[in-house]
Amino acid sequence: MTVAMALLALLDDGPRHGFALKHAYDDLLGQRQELRYGQVYSTLARLERDGLARGVRLEPGAGADRRVYAVTAE
Protein backbone atom coordinates (compact mmCIF):
# COMPACT_ATOMS: atom_id res chain seq x y z
CA MET A 1 0.00 0.00 0.00
CA THR A 2 1.37 3.40 -0.91
CA VAL A 3 1.44 6.26 1.55
CA ALA A 4 -1.01 8.18 -0.64
CA MET A 5 -3.51 5.32 -0.59
CA ALA A 6 -3.10 4.90 3.17
CA LEU A 7 -3.74 8.60 3.78
CA LEU A 8 -6.78 8.56 1.51
CA ALA A 9 -8.14 5.55 3.38
CA LEU A 10 -7.65 7.37 6.69
CA LEU A 11 -9.34 10.48 5.29
CA ASP A 12 -12.26 8.34 4.17
CA ASP A 13 -13.18 8.02 7.86
CA GLY A 14 -13.52 11.79 8.04
CA PRO A 15 -11.57 15.03 7.64
CA ARG A 16 -8.26 15.28 9.52
CA HIS A 17 -5.20 17.47 9.64
CA GLY A 18 -1.71 16.18 8.87
CA PHE A 19 -0.71 15.74 12.52
CA ALA A 20 -3.74 13.51 13.18
CA LEU A 21 -3.13 11.58 9.96
CA LYS A 22 0.46 10.87 10.97
CA HIS A 23 -0.65 9.51 14.34
CA ALA A 24 -3.44 7.39 12.82
CA TYR A 25 -0.99 6.01 10.25
CA ASP A 26 1.54 5.20 12.96
CA ASP A 27 -1.13 3.39 14.98
CA LEU A 28 -1.98 1.19 12.00
CA LEU A 29 1.26 0.78 10.06
CA GLY A 30 4.03 2.57 11.91
CA GLN A 31 5.89 -0.53 12.97
CA ARG A 32 6.00 -1.83 9.39
CA GLN A 33 6.67 1.39 7.50
CA GLU A 34 7.97 4.62 9.00
CA LEU A 35 6.26 7.84 7.98
CA ARG A 36 7.81 11.25 8.56
CA TYR A 37 5.81 14.45 8.95
CA GLY A 38 7.37 15.91 5.82
CA GLN A 39 6.16 12.93 3.84
CA VAL A 40 2.62 13.40 5.17
CA TYR A 41 2.48 17.01 4.04
CA SER A 42 4.14 16.44 0.66
CA THR A 43 1.74 13.56 0.00
CA LEU A 44 -1.25 15.71 1.01
CA ALA A 45 -0.04 18.42 -1.38
CA ARG A 46 0.12 15.90 -4.24
CA LEU A 47 -3.31 14.49 -3.39
CA GLU A 48 -4.71 18.01 -3.41
CA ARG A 49 -2.95 18.84 -6.68
CA ASP A 50 -4.41 15.70 -8.24
CA GLY A 51 -7.93 16.51 -7.00
CA LEU A 52 -8.16 13.52 -4.63
CA ALA A 53 -8.14 15.52 -1.38
CA ARG A 54 -8.76 19.14 -0.50
CA GLY A 55 -8.25 21.47 2.40
CA VAL A 56 -11.66 22.11 3.94
CA ARG A 57 -10.88 24.40 6.88
CA LEU A 58 -8.24 25.66 9.29
CA GLU A 59 -8.19 24.68 12.95
CA PRO A 60 -6.19 26.51 15.58
CA GLY A 61 -3.21 24.52 16.82
CA ALA A 62 -0.61 24.91 19.53
CA GLY A 63 1.48 26.81 16.98
CA ALA A 64 0.32 27.53 13.47
CA ASP A 65 -3.22 26.80 12.35
CA ARG A 66 -3.75 23.28 11.07
CA ARG A 67 -5.24 22.68 7.65
CA VAL A 68 -7.90 19.97 7.71
CA TYR A 69 -8.16 17.74 4.63
CA ALA A 70 -10.99 15.63 3.25
CA VAL A 71 -11.31 13.27 0.30
CA THR A 72 -13.05 14.53 -2.82
CA ALA A 73 -15.57 12.76 -5.04
CA GLU A 74 -12.71 11.88 -7.40
PDB file of N, CA and C in Angstrom:
ATOM      1  N   MET A   1       0.851  -1.171   0.000  1.00  0.00           N
ATOM      2  CA  MET A   1       0.000   0.000   0.000  1.00  0.00           C
ATOM      3  C   MET A   1       0.898   1.236   0.000  1.00  0.00           C
ATOM      4  N   THR A   2       0.596   2.167  -0.871  1.00  0.00           N
ATOM      5  CA  THR A   2       1.373   3.399  -0.915  1.00  0.00           C
ATOM      6  C   THR A   2       0.939   4.328   0.216  1.00  0.00           C
ATOM      7  N   VAL A   3       1.784   5.278   0.525  1.00  0.00           N
ATOM      8  CA  VAL A   3       1.443   6.260   1.553  1.00  0.00           C
ATOM      9  C   VAL A   3       0.215   7.056   1.124  1.00  0.00           C
ATOM     10  N   ALA A   4       0.144   7.425  -0.147  1.00  0.00           N
ATOM     11  CA  ALA A   4      -1.005   8.184  -0.636  1.00  0.00           C
ATOM     12  C   ALA A   4      -2.302   7.407  -0.433  1.00  0.00           C
ATOM     13  N   MET A   5      -2.292   6.138  -0.766  1.00  0.00           N
ATOM     14  CA  MET A   5      -3.511   5.324  -0.593  1.00  0.00           C
ATOM     15  C   MET A   5      -3.860   5.171   0.889  1.00  0.00           C
ATOM     16  N   ALA A   6      -2.854   5.025   1.724  1.00  0.00           N
ATOM     17  CA  ALA A   6      -3.097   4.903   3.166  1.00  0.00           C
ATOM     18  C   ALA A   6      -3.715   6.185   3.715  1.00  0.00           C
ATOM     19  N   LEU A   7      -3.185   7.339   3.300  1.00  0.00           N
ATOM     20  CA  LEU A   7      -3.741   8.603   3.781  1.00  0.00           C
ATOM     21  C   LEU A   7      -5.160   8.818   3.274  1.00  0.00           C
ATOM     22  N   LEU A   8      -5.414   8.456   2.036  1.00  0.00           N
ATOM     23  CA  LEU A   8      -6.784   8.558   1.514  1.00  0.00           C
ATOM     24  C   LEU A   8      -7.742   7.657   2.286  1.00  0.00           C
ATOM     25  N   ALA A   9      -7.293   6.460   2.607  1.00  0.00           N
ATOM     26  CA  ALA A   9      -8.135   5.546   3.384  1.00  0.00           C
ATOM     27  C   ALA A   9      -8.428   6.131   4.762  1.00  0.00           C
ATOM     28  N   LEU A  10      -7.435   6.744   5.387  1.00  0.00           N
ATOM     29  CA  LEU A  10      -7.650   7.368   6.688  1.00  0.00           C
ATOM     30  C   LEU A  10      -8.583   8.568   6.573  1.00  0.00           C
ATOM     31  N   LEU A  11      -8.454   9.336   5.507  1.00  0.00           N
ATOM     32  CA  LEU A  11      -9.341  10.480   5.293  1.00  0.00           C
ATOM     33  C   LEU A  11     -10.767  10.047   4.975  1.00  0.00           C
ATOM     34  N   ASP A  12     -10.917   8.842   4.482  1.00  0.00           N
ATOM     35  CA  ASP A  12     -12.257   8.345   4.167  1.00  0.00           C
ATOM     36  C   ASP A  12     -13.108   8.217   5.436  1.00  0.00           C
ATOM     37  N   ASP A  13     -12.459   8.078   6.583  1.00  0.00           N
ATOM     38  CA  ASP A  13     -13.179   8.019   7.861  1.00  0.00           C
ATOM     39  C   ASP A  13     -13.646   9.392   8.312  1.00  0.00           C
ATOM     40  N   GLY A  14     -13.131  10.431   7.697  1.00  0.00           N
ATOM     41  CA  GLY A  14     -13.521  11.791   8.040  1.00  0.00           C
ATOM     42  C   GLY A  14     -12.350  12.739   7.911  1.00  0.00           C
ATOM     43  N   PRO A  15     -12.634  14.037   7.800  1.00  0.00           N
ATOM     44  CA  PRO A  15     -11.570  15.032   7.637  1.00  0.00           C
ATOM     45  C   PRO A  15     -10.594  15.019   8.813  1.00  0.00           C
ATOM     46  N   ARG A  16      -9.315  15.237   8.500  1.00  0.00           N
ATOM     47  CA  ARG A  16      -8.260  15.282   9.517  1.00  0.00           C
ATOM     48  C   ARG A  16      -7.145  16.206   9.048  1.00  0.00           C
ATOM     49  N   HIS A  17      -6.388  16.698   9.987  1.00  0.00           N
ATOM     50  CA  HIS A  17      -5.201  17.470   9.641  1.00  0.00           C
ATOM     51  C   HIS A  17      -3.993  16.528   9.617  1.00  0.00           C
ATOM     52  N   GLY A  18      -2.889  17.016   9.072  1.00  0.00           N
ATOM     53  CA  GLY A  18      -1.708  16.183   8.871  1.00  0.00           C
ATOM     54  C   GLY A  18      -1.183  15.534  10.139  1.00  0.00           C
ATOM     55  N   PHE A  19      -1.188  16.282  11.246  1.00  0.00           N
ATOM     56  CA  PHE A  19      -0.709  15.739  12.524  1.00  0.00           C
ATOM     57  C   PHE A  19      -1.528  14.523  12.941  1.00  0.00           C
ATOM     58  N   ALA A  20      -2.853  14.628  12.819  1.00  0.00           N
ATOM     59  CA  ALA A  20      -3.741  13.511  13.177  1.00  0.00           C
ATOM     60  C   ALA A  20      -3.572  12.343  12.211  1.00  0.00           C
ATOM     61  N   LEU A  21      -3.356  12.644  10.939  1.00  0.00           N
ATOM     62  CA  LEU A  21      -3.131  11.579   9.958  1.00  0.00           C
ATOM     63  C   LEU A  21      -1.856  10.809  10.268  1.00  0.00           C
ATOM     64  N   LYS A  22      -0.808  11.526  10.627  1.00  0.00           N
ATOM     65  CA  LYS A  22       0.460  10.873  10.975  1.00  0.00           C
ATOM     66  C   LYS A  22       0.270   9.918  12.149  1.00  0.00           C
ATOM     67  N   HIS A  23      -0.440  10.362  13.175  1.00  0.00           N
ATOM     68  CA  HIS A  23      -0.654   9.507  14.341  1.00  0.00           C
ATOM     69  C   HIS A  23      -1.547   8.303  14.017  1.00  0.00           C
ATOM     70  N   ALA A  24      -2.572   8.507  13.215  1.00  0.00           N
ATOM     71  CA  ALA A  24      -3.440   7.393  12.822  1.00  0.00           C
ATOM     72  C   ALA A  24      -2.656   6.380  11.984  1.00  0.00           C
ATOM     73  N   TYR A  25      -1.832   6.877  11.072  1.00  0.00           N
ATOM     74  CA  TYR A  25      -0.986   6.011  10.247  1.00  0.00           C
ATOM     75  C   TYR A  25      -0.044   5.198  11.134  1.00  0.00           C
ATOM     76  N   ASP A  26       0.615   5.881  12.071  1.00  0.00           N
ATOM     77  CA  ASP A  26       1.544   5.196  12.964  1.00  0.00           C
ATOM     78  C   ASP A  26       0.846   4.116  13.778  1.00  0.00           C
ATOM     79  N   ASP A  27      -0.380   4.389  14.218  1.00  0.00           N
ATOM     80  CA  ASP A  27      -1.129   3.391  14.985  1.00  0.00           C
ATOM     81  C   ASP A  27      -1.398   2.143  14.161  1.00  0.00           C
ATOM     82  N   LEU A  28      -1.650   2.326  12.868  1.00  0.00           N
ATOM     83  CA  LEU A  28      -1.976   1.187  12.002  1.00  0.00           C
ATOM     84  C   LEU A  28      -0.752   0.523  11.378  1.00  0.00           C
ATOM     85  N   LEU A  29       0.172   1.318  10.882  1.00  0.00           N
ATOM     86  CA  LEU A  29       1.260   0.777  10.063  1.00  0.00           C
ATOM     87  C   LEU A  29       2.650   1.193  10.508  1.00  0.00           C
ATOM     88  N   GLY A  30       2.759   1.983  11.531  1.00  0.00           N
ATOM     89  CA  GLY A  30       4.029   2.573  11.913  1.00  0.00           C
ATOM     90  C   GLY A  30       5.153   1.596  12.183  1.00  0.00           C
ATOM     91  N   GLN A  31       4.832   0.431  12.683  1.00  0.00           N
ATOM     92  CA  GLN A  31       5.891  -0.526  12.965  1.00  0.00           C
ATOM     93  C   GLN A  31       6.391  -1.212  11.708  1.00  0.00           C
ATOM     94  N   ARG A  32       5.601  -1.202  10.649  1.00  0.00           N
ATOM     95  CA  ARG A  32       6.002  -1.829   9.393  1.00  0.00           C
ATOM     96  C   ARG A  32       6.669  -0.843   8.447  1.00  0.00           C
ATOM     97  N   GLN A  33       6.174   0.393   8.451  1.00  0.00           N
ATOM     98  CA  GLN A  33       6.668   1.391   7.503  1.00  0.00           C
ATOM     99  C   GLN A  33       6.663   2.762   8.169  1.00  0.00           C
ATOM    100  N   GLU A  34       7.851   3.318   8.360  1.00  0.00           N
ATOM    101  CA  GLU A  34       7.972   4.624   9.005  1.00  0.00           C
ATOM    102  C   GLU A  34       7.427   5.723   8.099  1.00  0.00           C
ATOM    103  N   LEU A  35       6.788   6.691   8.714  1.00  0.00           N
ATOM    104  CA  LEU A  35       6.260   7.838   7.975  1.00  0.00           C
ATOM    105  C   LEU A  35       6.692   9.107   8.694  1.00  0.00           C
ATOM    106  N   ARG A  36       7.366   9.977   7.982  1.00  0.00           N
ATOM    107  CA  ARG A  36       7.814  11.246   8.558  1.00  0.00           C
ATOM    108  C   ARG A  36       6.778  12.329   8.278  1.00  0.00           C
ATOM    109  N   TYR A  37       6.764  13.349   9.132  1.00  0.00           N
ATOM    110  CA  TYR A  37       5.807  14.447   8.951  1.00  0.00           C
ATOM    111  C   TYR A  37       5.945  15.099   7.585  1.00  0.00           C
ATOM    112  N   GLY A  38       7.168  15.306   7.130  1.00  0.00           N
ATOM    113  CA  GLY A  38       7.369  15.914   5.818  1.00  0.00           C
ATOM    114  C   GLY A  38       6.728  15.111   4.708  1.00  0.00           C
ATOM    115  N   GLN A  39       6.770  13.792   4.844  1.00  0.00           N
ATOM    116  CA  GLN A  39       6.163  12.931   3.837  1.00  0.00           C
ATOM    117  C   GLN A  39       4.639  13.047   3.865  1.00  0.00           C
ATOM    118  N   VAL A  40       4.075  13.211   5.052  1.00  0.00           N
ATOM    119  CA  VAL A  40       2.623  13.396   5.169  1.00  0.00           C
ATOM    120  C   VAL A  40       2.210  14.637   4.384  1.00  0.00           C
ATOM    121  N   TYR A  41       2.894  15.751   4.651  1.00  0.00           N
ATOM    122  CA  TYR A  41       2.483  17.008   4.038  1.00  0.00           C
ATOM    123  C   TYR A  41       2.785  17.066   2.551  1.00  0.00           C
ATOM    124  N   SER A  42       3.874  16.466   2.107  1.00  0.00           N
ATOM    125  CA  SER A  42       4.136  16.444   0.663  1.00  0.00           C
ATOM    126  C   SER A  42       3.128  15.543  -0.047  1.00  0.00           C
ATOM    127  N   THR A  43       2.743  14.452   0.593  1.00  0.00           N
ATOM    128  CA  THR A  43       1.736  13.565   0.003  1.00  0.00           C
ATOM    129  C   THR A  43       0.380  14.253  -0.041  1.00  0.00           C
ATOM    130  N   LEU A  44       0.014  14.964   1.013  1.00  0.00           N
ATOM    131  CA  LEU A  44      -1.253  15.710   1.011  1.00  0.00           C
ATOM    132  C   LEU A  44      -1.254  16.765  -0.093  1.00  0.00           C
ATOM    133  N   ALA A  45      -0.135  17.420  -0.308  1.00  0.00           N
ATOM    134  CA  ALA A  45      -0.040  18.420  -1.378  1.00  0.00           C
ATOM    135  C   ALA A  45      -0.255  17.779  -2.745  1.00  0.00           C
ATOM    136  N   ARG A  46       0.320  16.605  -2.961  1.00  0.00           N
ATOM    137  CA  ARG A  46       0.120  15.899  -4.242  1.00  0.00           C
ATOM    138  C   ARG A  46      -1.322  15.433  -4.394  1.00  0.00           C
ATOM    139  N   LEU A  47      -1.913  14.924  -3.322  1.00  0.00           N
ATOM    140  CA  LEU A  47      -3.308  14.494  -3.390  1.00  0.00           C
ATOM    141  C   LEU A  47      -4.223  15.674  -3.710  1.00  0.00           C
ATOM    142  N   GLU A  48      -3.917  16.828  -3.121  1.00  0.00           N
ATOM    143  CA  GLU A  48      -4.714  18.014  -3.406  1.00  0.00           C
ATOM    144  C   GLU A  48      -4.503  18.468  -4.849  1.00  0.00           C
ATOM    145  N   ARG A  49      -3.263  18.465  -5.294  1.00  0.00           N
ATOM    146  CA  ARG A  49      -2.951  18.843  -6.683  1.00  0.00           C
ATOM    147  C   ARG A  49      -3.687  17.955  -7.680  1.00  0.00           C
ATOM    148  N   ASP A  50      -3.772  16.668  -7.358  1.00  0.00           N
ATOM    149  CA  ASP A  50      -4.414  15.703  -8.244  1.00  0.00           C
ATOM    150  C   ASP A  50      -5.926  15.635  -8.076  1.00  0.00           C
ATOM    151  N   GLY A  51      -6.482  16.444  -7.174  1.00  0.00           N
ATOM    152  CA  GLY A  51      -7.928  16.510  -6.996  1.00  0.00           C
ATOM    153  C   GLY A  51      -8.512  15.384  -6.158  1.00  0.00           C
ATOM    154  N   LEU A  52      -7.676  14.650  -5.423  1.00  0.00           N
ATOM    155  CA  LEU A  52      -8.162  13.521  -4.628  1.00  0.00           C
ATOM    156  C   LEU A  52      -8.465  13.899  -3.179  1.00  0.00           C
ATOM    157  N   ALA A  53      -7.887  14.998  -2.730  1.00  0.00           N
ATOM    158  CA  ALA A  53      -8.140  15.518  -1.385  1.00  0.00           C
ATOM    159  C   ALA A  53      -8.151  17.038  -1.488  1.00  0.00           C
ATOM    160  N   ARG A  54      -8.753  17.666  -0.489  1.00  0.00           N
ATOM    161  CA  ARG A  54      -8.761  19.137  -0.496  1.00  0.00           C
ATOM    162  C   ARG A  54      -8.764  19.647   0.933  1.00  0.00           C
ATOM    163  N   GLY A  55      -8.196  20.812   1.106  1.00  0.00           N
ATOM    164  CA  GLY A  55      -8.254  21.474   2.396  1.00  0.00           C
ATOM    165  C   GLY A  55      -9.654  22.030   2.600  1.00  0.00           C
ATOM    166  N   VAL A  56     -10.272  21.697   3.720  1.00  0.00           N
ATOM    167  CA  VAL A  56     -11.657  22.114   3.937  1.00  0.00           C
ATOM    168  C   VAL A  56     -11.798  23.221   4.979  1.00  0.00           C
ATOM    169  N   ARG A  57     -10.814  23.349   5.871  1.00  0.00           N
ATOM    170  CA  ARG A  57     -10.877  24.401   6.882  1.00  0.00           C
ATOM    171  C   ARG A  57      -9.539  24.469   7.626  1.00  0.00           C
ATOM    172  N   LEU A  58      -9.394  25.511   8.413  1.00  0.00           N
ATOM    173  CA  LEU A  58      -8.237  25.663   9.288  1.00  0.00           C
ATOM    174  C   LEU A  58      -8.706  25.517  10.724  1.00  0.00           C
ATOM    175  N   GLU A  59      -7.916  24.811  11.527  1.00  0.00           N
ATOM    176  CA  GLU A  59      -8.186  24.681  12.954  1.00  0.00           C
ATOM    177  C   GLU A  59      -7.021  25.286  13.715  1.00  0.00           C
ATOM    178  N   PRO A  60      -7.305  25.986  14.793  1.00  0.00           N
ATOM    179  CA  PRO A  60      -6.188  26.513  15.581  1.00  0.00           C
ATOM    180  C   PRO A  60      -5.392  25.380  16.205  1.00  0.00           C
ATOM    181  N   GLY A  61      -4.085  25.523  16.216  1.00  0.00           N
ATOM    182  CA  GLY A  61      -3.211  24.522  16.821  1.00  0.00           C
ATOM    183  C   GLY A  61      -2.370  25.162  17.904  1.00  0.00           C
ATOM    184  N   ALA A  62      -1.493  24.391  18.493  1.00  0.00           N
ATOM    185  CA  ALA A  62      -0.606  24.912  19.526  1.00  0.00           C
ATOM    186  C   ALA A  62       0.312  25.980  18.944  1.00  0.00           C
ATOM    187  N   GLY A  63       0.654  25.833  17.680  1.00  0.00           N
ATOM    188  CA  GLY A  63       1.481  26.811  16.979  1.00  0.00           C
ATOM    189  C   GLY A  63       0.670  27.412  15.851  1.00  0.00           C
ATOM    190  N   ALA A  64       1.045  27.051  14.653  1.00  0.00           N
ATOM    191  CA  ALA A  64       0.318  27.530  13.475  1.00  0.00           C
ATOM    192  C   ALA A  64      -1.025  26.818  13.347  1.00  0.00           C
ATOM    193  N   ASP A  65      -1.941  27.455  12.621  1.00  0.00           N
ATOM    194  CA  ASP A  65      -3.223  26.804  12.345  1.00  0.00           C
ATOM    195  C   ASP A  65      -2.991  25.534  11.553  1.00  0.00           C
ATOM    196  N   ARG A  66      -3.859  24.564  11.771  1.00  0.00           N
ATOM    197  CA  ARG A  66      -3.748  23.277  11.075  1.00  0.00           C
ATOM    198  C   ARG A  66      -4.788  23.203   9.971  1.00  0.00           C
ATOM    199  N   ARG A  67      -4.335  22.832   8.792  1.00  0.00           N
ATOM    200  CA  ARG A  67      -5.239  22.683   7.655  1.00  0.00           C
ATOM    201  C   ARG A  67      -5.848  21.299   7.693  1.00  0.00           C
ATOM    202  N   VAL A  68      -7.161  21.236   7.653  1.00  0.00           N
ATOM    203  CA  VAL A  68      -7.903  19.975   7.708  1.00  0.00           C
ATOM    204  C   VAL A  68      -8.218  19.550   6.277  1.00  0.00           C
ATOM    205  N   TYR A  69      -7.950  18.285   5.963  1.00  0.00           N
ATOM    206  CA  TYR A  69      -8.161  17.741   4.628  1.00  0.00           C
ATOM    207  C   TYR A  69      -9.301  16.736   4.618  1.00  0.00           C
ATOM    208  N   ALA A  70      -9.943  16.616   3.465  1.00  0.00           N
ATOM    209  CA  ALA A  70     -10.991  15.630   3.254  1.00  0.00           C
ATOM    210  C   ALA A  70     -10.830  15.057   1.851  1.00  0.00           C
ATOM    211  N   VAL A  71     -11.356  13.863   1.632  1.00  0.00           N
ATOM    212  CA  VAL A  71     -11.314  13.269   0.297  1.00  0.00           C
ATOM    213  C   VAL A  71     -12.344  13.975  -0.576  1.00  0.00           C
ATOM    214  N   THR A  72     -12.111  13.953  -1.872  1.00  0.00           N
ATOM    215  CA  THR A  72     -13.052  14.529  -2.823  1.00  0.00           C
ATOM    216  C   THR A  72     -13.842  13.395  -3.479  1.00  0.00           C
ATOM    217  N   ALA A  73     -14.773  13.753  -4.313  1.00  0.00           N
ATOM    218  CA  ALA A  73     -15.568  12.756  -5.038  1.00  0.00           C
ATOM    219  C   ALA A  73     -14.722  11.981  -6.036  1.00  0.00           C
ATOM    220  N   GLU A  74     -13.596  12.564  -6.451  1.00  0.00           N
ATOM    221  CA  GLU A  74     -12.710  11.878  -7.401  1.00  0.00           C
ATOM    222  C   GLU A  74     -12.281  10.562  -6.839  1.00  0.00           C
TER     223      GLU A  74
END
